[in-house]
Amino acid sequence: MNGTGTAWQAWRENASGAAFDQVIAPLLSTARAQAARILGRWGDPDDAVQEALLRLLTLRAHLHPDADPAGILGNLVRWKALVQRRSARRRWRREACLPDDLACAQSTEHLGLDAALARLEPAQQELLRRRYVDGISLRVIAENLNLRPATVTTRLHQLRNQVQALLAAG
């Protein structure tokens, strides 16, 4: 077994600092660059790498001795960066245009959307609010309404089309 393989095994068994320096540390710049590409302006690549390293640390005893450390770290960084980007985008969408924000409420787009939503039935408004404002998953909404998730997806699609038509009509 070569030096890297021995260090990988040592790190897997007891997470020694010297083994980390030999096996994982050289991969960090590539991992950070990968996270930066995925995140863009949506987050801090160092956070994604740190979360991936913590996950790698918790998994280390379960990793196969012949596993590729670069591949494992790359997959974990990719996963953590995608989760971070998705969360940041959702947070931005929620905070971007809340009704109690005076500047946003005065925009014609927001007022048009409010008017279009007001023309929907209360149950339709509630479905849109649960999904797009509260961020509740399709599965949970479907369970609460005793529907199949596919039915909820279809209703949301129809509601989006209806809102678009109302917005276009003015």
Protein backbone atom coordinates (compact mmCIF):
# COMPACT_ATOMS: atom_id res chain seq x y z
CA MET A 1 0.00 0.00 0.00
CA ASN A 2 1.40 3.43 -0.94
CA GLY A 3 1.86 6.38 1.43
CA THR A 4 -1.43 8.03 0.51
CA GLY A 5 -3.33 4.77 0.99
CA THR A 6 -1.71 4.28 4.40
CA ALA A 7 -2.53 7.87 5.40
CA TRP A 8 -6.12 7.42 4.15
CA GLN A 9 -6.46 4.29 6.27
CA ALA A 10 -4.95 6.08 9.28
CA TRP A 11 -7.34 8.99 8.86
CA ARG A 12 -10.31 6.64 8.45
CA GLU A 13 -9.41 4.81 11.65
CA ASN A 14 -8.60 7.69 13.99
CA ALA A 15 -8.85 11.01 12.09
CA SER A 16 -5.24 11.90 12.81
CA GLY A 17 -4.10 15.40 11.90
CA ALA A 18 -1.01 14.21 10.05
CA ALA A 19 -3.08 11.89 7.88
CA PHE A 20 -5.55 14.72 7.22
CA ASP A 21 -2.67 16.97 6.11
CA GLN A 22 -1.42 14.28 3.75
CA VAL A 23 -4.73 13.08 2.26
CA ILE A 24 -7.49 15.68 2.65
CA ALA A 25 -5.69 19.04 2.83
CA PRO A 26 -4.38 18.87 -0.76
CA LEU A 27 -7.97 18.44 -1.99
CA LEU A 28 -9.35 21.54 -0.26
CA SER A 29 -8.51 24.12 -2.94
CA THR A 30 -10.25 22.02 -5.60
CA ALA A 31 -13.22 21.47 -3.28
CA ARG A 32 -13.48 25.21 -2.59
CA ALA A 33 -13.34 26.01 -6.32
CA GLN A 34 -16.09 23.46 -6.98
CA ALA A 35 -18.28 24.97 -4.25
CA ALA A 36 -17.66 28.48 -5.61
CA ARG A 37 -18.74 27.38 -9.12
CA ILE A 38 -21.95 25.84 -7.78
CA LEU A 39 -22.85 28.62 -5.36
CA GLY A 40 -22.01 31.66 -7.44
CA ARG A 41 -23.39 34.62 -5.52
CA TRP A 42 -25.67 32.46 -3.39
CA GLY A 43 -23.34 31.51 -0.57
CA ASP A 44 -19.93 31.08 0.94
CA PRO A 45 -17.88 28.23 -0.60
CA ASP A 46 -15.89 27.85 2.61
CA ASP A 47 -19.11 27.05 4.51
CA ALA A 48 -20.00 24.32 2.03
CA VAL A 49 -16.49 22.83 2.25
CA GLN A 50 -16.56 22.92 6.06
CA GLU A 51 -19.96 21.20 6.14
CA ALA A 52 -18.67 18.58 3.70
CA LEU A 53 -15.59 17.99 5.87
CA LEU A 54 -17.77 17.54 8.94
CA ARG A 55 -19.90 15.03 7.06
CA LEU A 56 -16.78 13.23 5.83
CA LEU A 57 -15.55 13.05 9.42
CA THR A 58 -18.81 11.44 10.59
CA LEU A 59 -18.71 8.94 7.71
CA ARG A 60 -15.03 8.08 7.92
CA ALA A 61 -15.40 4.78 9.79
CA HIS A 62 -17.91 3.54 7.21
CA LEU A 63 -15.82 4.35 4.13
CA HIS A 64 -14.25 1.56 2.13
CA PRO A 65 -10.43 1.41 2.39
CA ASP A 66 -10.14 1.59 -1.42
CA ALA A 67 -12.51 4.56 -1.70
CA ASP A 68 -11.25 7.63 -3.54
CA PRO A 69 -10.95 10.51 -1.04
CA ALA A 70 -11.12 13.11 -3.83
CA GLY A 71 -14.31 11.61 -5.22
CA ILE A 72 -15.97 11.34 -1.84
CA LEU A 73 -15.06 14.89 -0.82
CA GLY A 74 -16.10 16.19 -4.25
CA ASN A 75 -19.53 14.57 -3.98
CA LEU A 76 -20.05 15.85 -0.44
CA VAL A 77 -19.01 19.39 -1.41
CA ARG A 78 -21.31 19.30 -4.43
CA TRP A 79 -24.22 18.13 -2.28
CA LYS A 80 -23.62 20.69 0.48
CA ALA A 81 -23.19 23.54 -2.03
CA LEU A 82 -26.40 22.62 -3.85
CA VAL A 83 -28.31 22.51 -0.56
CA GLN A 84 -26.83 25.86 0.47
CA ARG A 85 -27.67 27.44 -2.90
CA ARG A 86 -31.23 26.10 -2.83
CA SER A 87 -31.77 27.42 0.70
CA ALA A 88 -30.34 30.83 -0.17
CA ARG A 89 -32.56 31.13 -3.25
CA ARG A 90 -35.66 30.14 -1.28
CA ARG A 91 -34.79 32.63 1.45
CA TRP A 92 -34.25 35.36 -1.16
CA ARG A 93 -37.59 34.61 -2.83
CA ARG A 94 -39.39 34.73 0.51
CA GLU A 95 -37.73 37.97 1.59
CA ALA A 96 -37.62 39.67 -1.81
CA CYS A 97 -41.17 40.91 -1.91
CA LEU A 98 -43.20 40.57 1.27
CA PRO A 99 -46.55 42.41 1.37
CA ASP A 100 -45.62 44.47 4.43
CA ASP A 101 -42.59 45.91 2.65
CA LEU A 102 -43.80 49.40 1.67
CA ALA A 103 -41.49 49.88 -1.32
CA CYS A 104 -42.40 46.49 -2.68
CA ALA A 105 -46.12 46.94 -2.01
CA GLN A 106 -46.09 50.12 -4.08
CA SER A 107 -44.64 48.40 -7.13
CA THR A 108 -47.17 47.86 -9.89
CA GLU A 109 -46.10 44.25 -10.33
CA HIS A 110 -46.81 43.46 -6.70
CA LEU A 111 -50.15 45.26 -6.75
CA GLY A 112 -51.10 43.42 -9.93
CA LEU A 113 -50.21 40.11 -8.33
CA ASP A 114 -52.24 40.96 -5.22
CA ALA A 115 -55.23 41.83 -7.39
CA ALA A 116 -54.86 38.60 -9.38
CA LEU A 117 -54.57 36.51 -6.22
CA ALA A 118 -57.59 38.25 -4.69
CA ARG A 119 -59.67 37.01 -7.62
CA LEU A 120 -58.91 33.39 -6.74
CA GLU A 121 -61.03 31.32 -4.38
CA PRO A 122 -59.78 31.19 -0.76
CA ALA A 123 -58.88 27.49 -1.10
CA GLN A 124 -56.80 28.28 -4.18
CA GLN A 125 -55.08 31.16 -2.41
CA GLU A 126 -54.33 28.88 0.52
CA LEU A 127 -52.80 26.22 -1.73
CA LEU A 128 -50.51 28.78 -3.38
CA ARG A 129 -49.56 30.24 0.01
CA ARG A 130 -48.73 26.85 1.51
CA ARG A 131 -46.48 25.92 -1.40
CA TYR A 132 -44.80 29.17 -2.42
CA VAL A 133 -44.84 31.32 0.70
CA ASP A 134 -44.59 28.73 3.47
CA GLY A 135 -42.46 26.37 1.35
CA ILE A 136 -44.38 23.26 2.39
CA SER A 137 -43.53 20.16 0.34
CA LEU A 138 -45.97 18.70 -2.15
CA ARG A 139 -46.12 15.49 -0.15
CA VAL A 140 -47.16 17.24 3.06
CA ILE A 141 -49.75 19.40 1.27
CA ALA A 142 -51.15 16.29 -0.40
CA GLU A 143 -51.40 14.47 2.93
CA ASN A 144 -53.16 17.44 4.56
CA LEU A 145 -55.68 17.67 1.72
CA ASN A 146 -56.09 13.88 1.33
CA LEU A 147 -54.90 14.08 -2.26
CA ARG A 148 -52.17 12.45 -4.30
CA PRO A 149 -49.01 14.55 -4.78
CA ALA A 150 -49.56 14.43 -8.55
CA THR A 151 -53.00 16.01 -8.05
CA VAL A 152 -51.48 18.82 -5.99
CA THR A 153 -48.84 19.35 -8.70
CA THR A 154 -51.55 19.57 -11.36
CA ARG A 155 -53.62 22.02 -9.31
CA LEU A 156 -50.60 24.23 -8.69
CA HIS A 157 -49.78 24.20 -12.41
CA GLN A 158 -53.36 25.19 -13.25
CA LEU A 159 -53.30 27.94 -10.60
CA ARG A 160 -50.03 29.35 -11.93
CA ASN A 161 -51.52 29.45 -15.43
CA GLN A 162 -54.67 31.09 -14.06
CA VAL A 163 -52.64 33.76 -12.22
CA GLN A 164 -50.58 34.42 -15.35
CA ALA A 165 -53.78 34.86 -17.38
CA LEU A 166 -55.19 37.24 -14.74
CA LEU A 167 -51.97 39.24 -14.77
CA ALA A 168 -51.96 39.42 -18.55
CA ALA A 169 -55.60 40.55 -18.59
CA GLY A 170 -54.79 43.29 -16.10
